[in-house]
Amino acid sequence: MRLYRFDADAGRPIADFGSVGLTIAPVARTAGEAQVVAMWLAPGGCVGRHPADGGQLFLVTRGAGWVEGGDGARRSIQAGQAAWWDDGESHAAGTDSGMAALVIEGDALDTSRLRPLT
């Protein structure tokens, strides 16, 4: 067994695309195009609007906030929920109270097993 850490202190701050209060830590990368990163947004933080580099699955693991897709409509999201952005889709995310997420990026991701929000 090996133990690893991927908490915010193991990450690095990101300010690209006007992001604020954003820290990410790499988790895993496949031999292909997929990668997984852990992401933390401080209270009042945001991931600035930018195009997805491949399909992107944003899985909220703690807290709550909002996500936007290509249409610019802001939707609430919380722990236990996920957002999907297509390759090239402009998107953003943010929070008033703090939020953590795992982000899985890659064109070959199959999200058909996820249950849609009703």
C-alpha atoms as a PDB file:
ATOM      1  CA  MET A   1       0.000   0.000   0.000  1.00  0.00           C
ATOM      2  CA  ARG A   2       1.068   3.570  -0.661  1.00  0.00           C
ATOM      3  CA  LEU A   3      -0.451   6.691   0.847  1.00  0.00           C
ATOM      4  CA  TYR A   4      -0.715  10.004  -0.972  1.00  0.00           C
ATOM      5  CA  ARG A   5      -2.061  13.452  -0.338  1.00  0.00           C
ATOM      6  CA  PHE A   6      -4.060  15.716  -2.595  1.00  0.00           C
ATOM      7  CA  ASP A   7      -5.242  18.334  -0.122  1.00  0.00           C
ATOM      8  CA  ALA A   8      -5.059  22.062  -0.858  1.00  0.00           C
ATOM      9  CA  ASP A   9      -1.631  22.334   0.806  1.00  0.00           C
ATOM     10  CA  ALA A  10      -0.280  19.827  -1.739  1.00  0.00           C
ATOM     11  CA  GLY A  11      -1.601  21.944  -4.603  1.00  0.00           C
ATOM     12  CA  ARG A  12      -0.691  25.207  -6.241  1.00  0.00           C
ATOM     13  CA  PRO A  13      -2.673  28.406  -6.710  1.00  0.00           C
ATOM     14  CA  ILE A  14      -4.031  29.126 -10.192  1.00  0.00           C
ATOM     15  CA  ALA A  15      -4.920  32.601 -11.487  1.00  0.00           C
ATOM     16  CA  ASP A  16      -5.326  31.751 -15.198  1.00  0.00           C
ATOM     17  CA  PHE A  17      -8.421  33.144 -16.973  1.00  0.00           C
ATOM     18  CA  GLY A  18      -9.056  35.532 -14.063  1.00  0.00           C
ATOM     19  CA  SER A  19      -9.532  32.708 -11.554  1.00  0.00           C
ATOM     20  CA  VAL A  20      -9.623  33.773  -7.897  1.00  0.00           C
ATOM     21  CA  GLY A  21      -9.089  31.648  -4.762  1.00  0.00           C
ATOM     22  CA  LEU A  22      -8.399  28.536  -6.861  1.00  0.00           C
ATOM     23  CA  THR A  23      -5.941  25.791  -5.872  1.00  0.00           C
ATOM     24  CA  ILE A  24      -5.394  22.570  -7.817  1.00  0.00           C
ATOM     25  CA  ALA A  25      -3.360  19.425  -7.181  1.00  0.00           C
ATOM     26  CA  PRO A  26      -2.675  16.745  -9.788  1.00  0.00           C
ATOM     27  CA  VAL A  27      -4.065  13.322  -8.884  1.00  0.00           C
ATOM     28  CA  ALA A  28      -3.562  11.005 -11.870  1.00  0.00           C
ATOM     29  CA  ARG A  29      -2.891  10.914 -15.602  1.00  0.00           C
ATOM     30  CA  THR A  30      -3.534   8.049 -17.974  1.00  0.00           C
ATOM     31  CA  ALA A  31      -1.230   6.935 -20.789  1.00  0.00           C
ATOM     32  CA  GLY A  32      -3.795   8.540 -23.119  1.00  0.00           C
ATOM     33  CA  GLU A  33      -5.335  11.974 -22.848  1.00  0.00           C
ATOM     34  CA  ALA A  34      -7.185  11.730 -19.516  1.00  0.00           C
ATOM     35  CA  GLN A  35      -6.160  13.351 -16.255  1.00  0.00           C
ATOM     36  CA  VAL A  36      -7.640  13.881 -12.794  1.00  0.00           C
ATOM     37  CA  VAL A  37      -7.041  16.933 -10.605  1.00  0.00           C
ATOM     38  CA  ALA A  38      -8.329  17.939  -7.192  1.00  0.00           C
ATOM     39  CA  MET A  39      -9.646  21.493  -7.039  1.00  0.00           C
ATOM     40  CA  TRP A  40     -10.433  23.774  -4.118  1.00  0.00           C
ATOM     41  CA  LEU A  41     -12.209  27.098  -4.339  1.00  0.00           C
ATOM     42  CA  ALA A  42     -11.972  29.411  -1.340  1.00  0.00           C
ATOM     43  CA  PRO A  43     -15.085  31.315  -0.232  1.00  0.00           C
ATOM     44  CA  GLY A  44     -15.782  33.901  -2.934  1.00  0.00           C
ATOM     45  CA  GLY A  45     -13.498  32.018  -5.368  1.00  0.00           C
ATOM     46  CA  CYS A  46     -14.077  31.290  -9.026  1.00  0.00           C
ATOM     47  CA  VAL A  47     -12.648  29.454 -12.000  1.00  0.00           C
ATOM     48  CA  GLY A  48     -12.559  32.057 -14.764  1.00  0.00           C
ATOM     49  CA  ARG A  49     -14.407  31.394 -18.008  1.00  0.00           C
ATOM     50  CA  HIS A  50     -12.352  29.339 -20.469  1.00  0.00           C
ATOM     51  CA  PRO A  51     -12.870  26.601 -23.071  1.00  0.00           C
ATOM     52  CA  ALA A  52     -12.737  22.967 -21.942  1.00  0.00           C
ATOM     53  CA  ASP A  53      -9.640  21.169 -23.175  1.00  0.00           C
ATOM     54  CA  GLY A  54     -11.368  17.878 -23.960  1.00  0.00           C
ATOM     55  CA  GLY A  55     -14.516  16.639 -22.238  1.00  0.00           C
ATOM     56  CA  GLN A  56     -14.533  17.670 -18.578  1.00  0.00           C
ATOM     57  CA  LEU A  57     -16.393  16.129 -15.636  1.00  0.00           C
ATOM     58  CA  PHE A  58     -16.587  18.376 -12.542  1.00  0.00           C
ATOM     59  CA  LEU A  59     -17.531  16.286  -9.459  1.00  0.00           C
ATOM     60  CA  VAL A  60     -18.282  18.401  -6.383  1.00  0.00           C
ATOM     61  CA  THR A  61     -17.026  16.596  -3.270  1.00  0.00           C
ATOM     62  CA  ARG A  62     -17.511  19.317  -0.632  1.00  0.00           C
ATOM     63  CA  GLY A  63     -19.453  22.542  -0.338  1.00  0.00           C
ATOM     64  CA  ALA A  64     -21.645  24.220  -2.905  1.00  0.00           C
ATOM     65  CA  GLY A  65     -21.483  26.841  -5.601  1.00  0.00           C
ATOM     66  CA  TRP A  66     -22.420  27.431  -9.207  1.00  0.00           C
ATOM     67  CA  VAL A  67     -21.375  26.338 -12.679  1.00  0.00           C
ATOM     68  CA  GLU A  68     -21.893  27.906 -16.097  1.00  0.00           C
ATOM     69  CA  GLY A  69     -21.717  26.296 -19.517  1.00  0.00           C
ATOM     70  CA  GLY A  70     -21.590  27.641 -23.029  1.00  0.00           C
ATOM     71  CA  ASP A  71     -24.999  29.304 -22.707  1.00  0.00           C
ATOM     72  CA  GLY A  72     -23.765  31.428 -19.768  1.00  0.00           C
ATOM     73  CA  ALA A  73     -26.682  30.334 -17.548  1.00  0.00           C
ATOM     74  CA  ARG A  74     -25.591  29.940 -13.927  1.00  0.00           C
ATOM     75  CA  ARG A  75     -26.781  26.780 -12.196  1.00  0.00           C
ATOM     76  CA  SER A  76     -26.407  25.781  -8.553  1.00  0.00           C
ATOM     77  CA  ILE A  77     -24.316  22.738  -7.714  1.00  0.00           C
ATOM     78  CA  GLN A  78     -23.438  20.990  -4.441  1.00  0.00           C
ATOM     79  CA  ALA A  79     -21.548  18.031  -3.019  1.00  0.00           C
ATOM     80  CA  GLY A  80     -22.668  14.812  -4.679  1.00  0.00           C
ATOM     81  CA  GLN A  81     -23.508  16.528  -7.976  1.00  0.00           C
ATOM     82  CA  ALA A  82     -21.528  16.881 -11.184  1.00  0.00           C
ATOM     83  CA  ALA A  83     -21.340  19.016 -14.319  1.00  0.00           C
ATOM     84  CA  TRP A  84     -20.129  17.944 -17.763  1.00  0.00           C
ATOM     85  CA  TRP A  85     -18.622  20.298 -20.340  1.00  0.00           C
ATOM     86  CA  ASP A  86     -17.968  19.221 -23.925  1.00  0.00           C
ATOM     87  CA  ASP A  87     -14.606  19.713 -25.599  1.00  0.00           C
ATOM     88  CA  GLY A  88     -14.200  23.406 -26.394  1.00  0.00           C
ATOM     89  CA  GLU A  89     -17.267  24.493 -24.388  1.00  0.00           C
ATOM     90  CA  SER A  90     -16.768  27.791 -22.579  1.00  0.00           C
ATOM     91  CA  HIS A  91     -17.400  27.328 -18.866  1.00  0.00           C
ATOM     92  CA  ALA A  92     -16.837  28.766 -15.389  1.00  0.00           C
ATOM     93  CA  ALA A  93     -17.486  27.821 -11.758  1.00  0.00           C
ATOM     94  CA  GLY A  94     -17.552  29.619  -8.431  1.00  0.00           C
ATOM     95  CA  THR A  95     -18.711  29.647  -4.845  1.00  0.00           C
ATOM     96  CA  ASP A  96     -19.708  32.024  -2.076  1.00  0.00           C
ATOM     97  CA  SER A  97     -18.951  29.590   0.757  1.00  0.00           C
ATOM     98  CA  GLY A  98     -16.146  27.329  -0.558  1.00  0.00           C
ATOM     99  CA  MET A  99     -16.199  24.227  -2.725  1.00  0.00           C
ATOM    100  CA  ALA A 100     -13.990  21.233  -3.531  1.00  0.00           C
ATOM    101  CA  ALA A 101     -14.191  19.094  -6.657  1.00  0.00           C
ATOM    102  CA  LEU A 102     -12.447  16.344  -8.556  1.00  0.00           C
ATOM    103  CA  VAL A 103     -12.084  17.190 -12.231  1.00  0.00           C
ATOM    104  CA  ILE A 104     -11.652  14.416 -14.775  1.00  0.00           C
ATOM    105  CA  GLU A 105     -10.650  15.573 -18.248  1.00  0.00           C
ATOM    106  CA  GLY A 106     -10.494  13.475 -21.395  1.00  0.00           C
ATOM    107  CA  ASP A 107     -12.286  12.918 -24.667  1.00  0.00           C
ATOM    108  CA  ALA A 108     -12.929   9.217 -24.089  1.00  0.00           C
ATOM    109  CA  LEU A 109     -14.948   9.635 -20.865  1.00  0.00           C
ATOM    110  CA  ASP A 110     -18.309   7.844 -20.794  1.00  0.00           C
ATOM    111  CA  THR A 111     -20.755   9.555 -18.425  1.00  0.00           C
ATOM    112  CA  SER A 112     -23.743   7.358 -19.327  1.00  0.00           C
ATOM    113  CA  ARG A 113     -23.751   5.727 -15.878  1.00  0.00           C
ATOM    114  CA  LEU A 114     -24.287   9.014 -14.033  1.00  0.00           C
ATOM    115  CA  ARG A 115     -27.861   9.794 -12.941  1.00  0.00           C
ATOM    116  CA  PRO A 116     -29.145  13.119 -14.305  1.00  0.00           C
ATOM    117  CA  LEU A 117     -30.473  15.753 -11.902  1.00  0.00           C
ATOM    118  CA  THR A 118     -34.253  15.970 -11.962  1.00  0.00           C
END
